[in-house]
Protein backbone atom coordinates (compact mmCIF):
# COMPACT_ATOMS: atom_id res chain seq x y z
CA MET A 1 0.09 -0.18 0.04
CA ALA A 2 0.90 3.32 -0.68
CA SER A 3 1.91 6.07 1.88
CA ILE A 4 1.82 9.70 2.93
CA LEU A 5 2.82 12.08 5.16
CA ILE A 6 0.80 14.59 5.88
CA THR A 7 2.03 17.89 7.85
CA GLY A 8 -0.58 19.58 10.29
CA VAL A 9 -2.35 16.46 9.97
CA HIS A 10 -4.58 16.99 13.09
CA GLY A 11 -6.31 19.83 11.79
CA PHE A 12 -9.91 20.29 9.76
CA VAL A 13 -8.52 19.27 6.87
CA GLY A 14 -5.86 16.71 7.48
CA SER A 15 -8.67 14.94 9.94
CA ASN A 16 -11.02 15.14 6.89
CA LEU A 17 -8.03 13.96 4.68
CA VAL A 18 -7.01 11.17 6.83
CA LYS A 19 -11.34 9.92 6.72
CA ALA A 20 -11.33 10.11 2.79
CA LEU A 21 -7.18 7.96 3.03
CA LYS A 22 -7.10 6.01 5.02
CA ASP A 23 -8.41 3.19 2.93
CA SER A 24 -6.28 3.31 0.40
CA TYR A 25 -3.24 4.48 2.27
CA ASP A 26 -0.67 4.24 4.75
CA ILE A 27 -0.37 7.81 6.78
CA TYR A 28 1.76 9.05 8.96
CA GLY A 29 2.00 12.56 10.04
CA LEU A 30 4.09 15.73 11.12
CA ASP A 31 2.79 17.50 13.54
CA ILE A 32 3.01 19.93 16.77
CA VAL A 33 0.25 17.85 18.76
CA ALA A 34 0.06 13.60 18.51
CA PRO A 35 -3.23 12.70 19.93
CA ARG A 36 -4.00 8.90 18.62
CA LYS A 37 -6.25 8.93 15.40
CA ASP A 38 -7.55 6.27 13.76
CA GLY A 39 -5.91 5.77 10.46
CA VAL A 40 -3.08 7.74 11.02
CA ILE A 41 -0.23 5.18 11.78
CA HIS A 42 2.00 7.49 13.93
CA THR A 43 2.48 11.40 14.04
CA PHE A 44 5.89 12.42 14.26
CA SER A 45 7.30 15.98 16.20
CA TRP A 46 8.90 18.63 13.85
CA ASP A 47 11.64 17.57 15.81
CA ASP A 48 12.13 14.58 13.75
CA LEU A 49 11.93 16.26 9.99
CA GLY A 50 15.73 16.06 10.09
CA ARG A 51 16.26 13.04 12.24
CA GLY A 52 15.63 10.36 9.44
CA VAL A 53 13.45 8.67 11.63
CA ILE A 54 10.80 9.36 9.58
CA PRO A 55 9.80 5.97 6.99
CA ASN A 56 10.20 6.77 3.24
CA VAL A 57 6.54 7.72 1.72
CA ASP A 58 5.44 7.86 -1.65
CA ALA A 59 3.63 11.30 -0.48
CA VAL A 60 4.18 14.19 1.31
CA ILE A 61 1.36 16.26 1.88
CA HIS A 62 2.14 19.72 3.17
CA LEU A 63 -0.91 21.72 5.13
CA ALA A 64 0.48 22.98 8.27
CA GLY A 65 0.48 26.96 8.64
CA LYS A 66 -0.83 29.68 10.05
CA ALA A 67 -4.01 30.62 9.58
CA HIS A 68 -5.22 34.30 8.63
CA ASP A 69 -6.08 36.47 11.74
CA THR A 70 -8.98 38.06 10.87
CA LYS A 71 -8.46 39.79 14.47
CA ASN A 72 -5.12 41.04 13.36
CA LYS A 73 -3.18 40.09 16.61
CA SER A 74 -0.68 38.08 15.12
CA THR A 75 2.63 39.69 14.10
CA ALA A 76 3.86 39.59 10.75
CA ASP A 77 7.24 37.30 12.27
CA VAL A 78 4.77 34.15 13.27
CA TYR A 79 3.48 33.68 9.54
CA PHE A 80 7.07 34.55 8.29
CA GLN A 81 8.16 31.25 10.48
CA ILE A 82 5.24 29.37 10.06
CA ASN A 83 4.26 29.45 6.15
CA THR A 84 7.38 30.62 4.69
CA GLU A 85 10.70 28.73 6.64
CA LEU A 86 8.60 25.34 7.84
CA THR A 87 7.77 25.09 3.98
CA LYS A 88 11.11 25.67 3.19
CA ARG A 89 12.05 22.48 5.54
CA VAL A 90 9.59 20.93 4.33
CA PHE A 91 10.32 21.24 0.95
CA ASP A 92 13.66 20.33 1.32
CA TYR A 93 13.45 17.15 3.33
CA PHE A 94 10.96 16.55 0.07
CA ARG A 95 13.57 16.68 -2.18
CA THR A 96 15.82 14.70 -0.27
CA SER A 97 13.25 11.61 0.07
CA ALA A 98 11.94 9.22 -1.90
CA ALA A 99 9.06 10.56 -2.24
CA SER A 100 7.53 10.99 -6.04
CA ARG A 101 4.45 14.14 -5.34
CA PHE A 102 4.42 17.14 -3.10
CA ILE A 103 1.25 18.92 -2.65
CA PHE A 104 1.42 22.35 -0.74
CA PHE A 105 -1.73 23.89 0.46
CA SER A 106 -1.10 27.49 -0.04
CA SER A 107 -3.89 30.31 -0.79
CA VAL A 108 -5.73 32.50 -3.38
CA LYS A 109 -4.53 35.42 -0.54
CA ALA A 110 -1.18 34.32 -1.91
CA ALA A 111 -2.20 35.57 -5.65
CA VAL A 112 -4.06 38.67 -4.38
CA ASP A 113 -6.77 40.16 -2.00
CA LYS A 114 -9.02 41.71 -4.42
CA VAL A 115 -9.25 39.91 -7.85
CA PRO A 116 -8.97 42.26 -10.79
CA GLY A 117 -11.38 41.67 -13.40
CA LYS A 118 -14.51 38.97 -13.06
CA ILE A 119 -12.25 36.17 -12.21
CA LEU A 120 -9.36 35.07 -10.83
CA THR A 121 -6.74 32.79 -12.43
CA GLU A 122 -3.62 31.38 -11.80
CA ASP A 123 -1.95 33.04 -14.07
CA VAL A 124 -2.34 36.78 -11.97
CA ALA A 125 0.49 38.86 -11.80
CA THR A 126 0.39 37.72 -7.72
CA SER A 127 -0.16 40.93 -5.73
CA PRO A 128 -0.34 39.82 -1.88
CA VAL A 129 -2.02 42.46 1.31
CA GLY A 130 -0.56 41.55 4.79
CA PRO A 131 1.72 38.69 5.79
CA TYR A 132 -0.89 35.91 5.44
CA GLY A 133 -1.01 36.52 1.41
CA GLU A 134 2.80 37.69 1.88
CA SER A 135 3.87 35.00 3.96
CA LYS A 136 2.25 32.16 1.58
CA VAL A 137 3.66 33.13 -1.77
CA ARG A 138 7.07 33.69 -0.57
CA ALA A 139 6.62 30.01 -0.02
CA GLU A 140 5.39 29.30 -3.19
CA GLU A 141 8.28 31.45 -4.79
CA TYR A 142 10.76 29.05 -2.66
CA ILE A 143 9.01 26.14 -4.23
CA LEU A 144 9.00 27.46 -7.87
CA GLU A 145 12.60 28.84 -8.09
CA SER A 146 13.82 25.36 -6.87
CA ILE A 147 12.29 23.39 -9.40
CA SER A 148 12.77 25.53 -11.81
CA ALA A 149 16.78 25.83 -11.18
CA ASN A 150 16.90 22.08 -10.26
CA PRO A 151 13.96 20.33 -12.10
CA ILE A 152 12.86 16.74 -10.37
CA PRO A 153 12.49 14.35 -13.21
CA GLU A 154 9.42 11.87 -12.77
CA ARG A 155 7.76 14.05 -9.36
CA SER A 156 5.12 15.78 -9.69
CA VAL A 157 5.14 19.45 -7.11
CA VAL A 158 1.43 20.88 -7.23
CA VAL A 159 1.14 24.30 -5.11
CA LEU A 160 -3.17 24.48 -4.18
CA ARG A 161 -4.61 27.82 -3.79
CA PRO A 162 -8.11 26.98 -2.54
CA CYS A 163 -10.48 29.39 -1.38
CA MET A 164 -12.32 29.69 1.92
CA ILE A 165 -12.44 25.86 2.63
CA HIS A 166 -15.83 24.81 4.52
CA GLY A 167 -17.28 21.39 5.68
CA PRO A 168 -18.68 19.79 8.67
CA GLY A 169 -17.10 20.43 11.95
CA ASN A 170 -15.12 23.93 10.86
CA LYS A 171 -17.17 27.19 11.33
CA GLY A 172 -14.42 29.50 10.02
CA ASN A 173 -15.60 32.77 8.23
CA LEU A 174 -19.15 31.28 8.02
CA ASN A 175 -19.50 31.92 11.54
CA LEU A 176 -20.07 35.32 12.11
CA LEU A 177 -22.71 35.25 9.29
CA TYR A 178 -24.57 32.02 10.41
CA SER A 179 -24.59 33.60 14.02
CA PHE A 180 -26.60 36.78 12.77
CA VAL A 181 -28.66 34.47 10.37
CA ARG A 182 -29.33 32.27 13.14
CA LYS A 183 -30.33 34.72 15.02
CA GLY A 184 -33.60 36.20 12.54
CA LEU A 185 -31.84 39.30 11.65
CA PRO A 186 -32.77 41.00 9.12
CA TRP A 187 -29.76 41.39 6.14
CA PRO A 188 -29.63 45.00 5.94
CA LEU A 189 -27.23 44.71 2.40
CA ALA A 190 -28.78 42.78 0.03
CA ALA A 191 -28.80 45.73 -2.25
CA PHE A 192 -25.25 44.54 -3.27
CA ASP A 193 -25.42 41.59 -5.01
CA ASN A 194 -21.78 40.00 -4.79
CA LEU A 195 -20.34 36.86 -6.30
CA ARG A 196 -17.74 34.44 -3.75
CA SER A 197 -16.21 31.15 -4.08
CA PHE A 198 -15.97 28.27 -1.64
CA THR A 199 -14.56 25.15 -1.67
CA SER A 200 -16.28 22.26 0.05
CA ILE A 201 -14.44 19.53 2.01
CA GLY A 202 -15.47 17.01 -0.12
CA ASN A 203 -14.77 18.30 -3.56
CA LEU A 204 -10.97 19.10 -1.79
CA THR A 205 -10.35 15.56 -0.69
CA PHE A 206 -11.86 14.58 -3.98
CA VAL A 207 -9.16 16.05 -5.82
CA ILE A 208 -6.19 15.11 -3.72
CA ARG A 209 -7.32 11.58 -4.19
CA GLN A 210 -7.02 12.36 -7.93
CA LEU A 211 -3.22 14.25 -7.40
CA LEU A 212 -2.15 11.87 -5.60
CA SER A 213 -3.27 8.56 -7.98
CA GLY A 214 -2.48 10.72 -11.48
CA ASN A 215 0.12 12.08 -13.02
CA ILE A 216 -0.66 15.83 -13.09
CA GLU A 217 1.72 18.36 -13.98
CA SER A 218 4.14 20.40 -11.65
CA GLY A 219 2.12 23.96 -11.13
CA ILE A 220 0.30 25.85 -9.23
CA TYR A 221 -3.15 25.41 -9.39
CA ASN A 222 -6.15 27.15 -7.94
CA MET A 223 -9.26 25.35 -5.91
CA ALA A 224 -12.62 25.96 -5.55
CA ASP A 225 -16.10 24.80 -6.08
CA ASP A 226 -17.53 24.99 -9.53
CA GLU A 227 -20.66 27.86 -8.89
CA SER A 228 -20.17 30.96 -7.09
CA LEU A 229 -22.79 32.34 -4.77
CA SER A 230 -23.67 35.59 -3.97
CA THR A 231 -24.24 36.38 -0.05
CA ASN A 232 -27.63 36.97 -0.58
CA GLU A 233 -27.75 33.23 -2.10
CA LEU A 234 -25.51 31.92 1.20
CA ILE A 235 -28.30 33.32 3.10
CA ASP A 236 -31.16 31.48 1.69
CA VAL A 237 -29.00 28.35 1.90
CA MET A 238 -28.28 28.69 5.64
CA CYS A 239 -32.19 29.63 6.65
CA SER A 240 -33.30 26.89 4.32
CA ALA A 241 -30.49 24.70 5.88
CA ILE A 242 -31.81 25.75 9.43
CA GLY A 243 -35.48 25.92 8.94
CA LYS A 244 -35.91 29.96 8.91
CA LYS A 245 -37.20 32.53 6.17
CA ALA A 246 -34.44 34.09 5.17
CA VAL A 247 -34.92 37.98 5.72
CA LYS A 248 -33.52 40.70 3.44
CA TRP A 249 -33.74 44.40 3.69
CA LYS A 250 -32.43 46.32 -0.18
CA ILE A 251 -31.32 49.54 2.00
CA PRO A 252 -29.89 51.63 -0.94
CA GLN A 253 -26.38 51.34 -1.24
CA ALA A 254 -25.32 55.06 -1.28
CA PHE A 255 -27.39 55.09 2.22
CA ILE A 256 -24.99 51.94 3.50
CA ARG A 257 -22.04 53.74 2.13
CA SER A 258 -22.82 56.90 4.01
CA CYS A 259 -23.09 55.01 7.02
CA ALA A 260 -19.82 52.88 6.98
CA ARG A 261 -17.98 56.63 6.44
CA ILE A 262 -19.31 57.39 9.63
CA GLY A 263 -17.93 54.43 11.22
CA ASP A 264 -14.87 55.15 10.10
CA THR A 265 -15.24 58.04 12.02
CA LEU A 266 -16.53 56.78 14.98
CA HIS A 267 -14.94 53.10 15.15
CA LEU A 268 -18.26 51.55 14.59
CA PRO A 269 -18.58 47.77 13.82
CA LEU A 270 -19.43 48.24 10.00
CA ASN A 271 -17.18 50.92 8.38
CA SER A 272 -15.63 50.97 4.86
CA PHE A 273 -13.52 47.94 4.95
CA ARG A 274 -15.52 45.91 6.60
CA LEU A 275 -18.63 46.97 3.74
CA GLN A 276 -15.89 46.18 1.35
CA LYS A 277 -14.92 42.92 2.49
CA LEU A 278 -19.12 42.13 2.89
CA THR A 279 -19.86 43.08 -0.69
CA GLU A 280 -17.00 42.75 -3.29
CA ASN A 281 -16.23 39.92 -5.85
CA TYR A 282 -14.17 37.35 -5.05
CA VAL A 283 -14.54 34.15 -8.02
CA VAL A 284 -11.82 31.37 -8.65
CA SER A 285 -11.67 29.59 -11.83
CA ASN A 286 -10.89 25.97 -11.01
CA ALA A 287 -10.34 25.19 -15.16
CA LYS A 288 -6.92 24.42 -14.44
CA ILE A 289 -7.11 21.76 -12.32
CA LYS A 290 -10.11 20.14 -13.76
CA ASN A 291 -8.58 20.26 -17.11
CA ALA A 292 -5.03 18.65 -15.56
CA LEU A 293 -7.40 15.94 -13.64
CA GLY A 294 -9.51 15.83 -17.17
CA ILE A 295 -13.21 16.16 -15.58
CA ASP A 296 -16.03 18.49 -16.55
CA SER A 297 -17.61 19.33 -13.00
CA MET A 298 -16.64 19.01 -9.13
CA PRO A 299 -18.44 15.85 -7.65
CA VAL A 300 -20.11 18.29 -5.07
CA ARG A 301 -22.55 21.52 -5.80
CA ALA A 302 -21.55 24.03 -3.88
CA ALA A 303 -25.15 25.05 -2.38
CA ASP A 304 -25.39 21.28 -1.44
CA GLY A 305 -21.50 21.25 0.33
CA LEU A 306 -22.60 24.71 1.89
CA THR A 307 -25.56 23.19 2.92
CA SER A 308 -24.40 20.37 4.93
CA THR A 309 -21.11 22.94 6.74
CA ILE A 310 -24.51 24.61 8.32
CA ARG A 311 -26.33 22.07 9.14
CA SER A 312 -23.51 20.57 10.88
CA PHE A 313 -23.68 23.84 13.31
CA LEU A 314 -26.84 22.97 14.82
CA HIS A 315 -24.88 19.90 16.34
CA GLY A 316 -22.19 21.93 17.12
């Protein structure tokens, strides 16, 4: 049976990958914690990385990283220590190992904070904003420059850029909107009809399976569901999932923007920055990864994946 080393194996994505892959692969973990987990043979510590104690594996999936801190409490150096320098260590380990596949989980935020044009593709000129995106793109550059200067014959190196990943057991940024909807409060920004892409954990685990078993050309690939949803549609999905009626107010955009400018001055919850984040478009193309895998569509529809996630909140 083929074997995999997954860093950050005890996190949300790692745990879901273990569930999806444990019957087909021998799985080893690399993490800061090492609880027993069904499907993981052994979890090694970061100190083990250079000691020669990790068994030979066929693939390395690098998930471990410092997530985006929406409250901005983390210092910049923490992002670079974890997202950049730790990734360098893991990739250097891969280069000296017998593994034939390396999958690095980066982020669409390594590309741009705001999508230029209508849809984000892999050939966009990178211009990340803030230490999270900057640290991720530095890690990408290290990997790509390394394989460009010293090609690795018959080995695949994939940099995966997912947009917001969600699934049962992980509320993430959806929790803020869910909390609003659950209380039955009216959504006051219904006049803004933006579109956003999401990544359901079902589609993500499907893609990882294909990357491990197929012969995929090395490079950068976006990861997203096929359909993009507006915030208004997302609220409809949430309300349907929890059995509530959606209440949406179409207050004129000009009035809302005026209120946001007042919020800038008075430091209110609604300010211009937050309004932009709530109403901007962020549509991500998944055409390249589907073409590489030879598929026409992802197996999970965006609305179905989100419904499953929201319903899990009821039991959380």
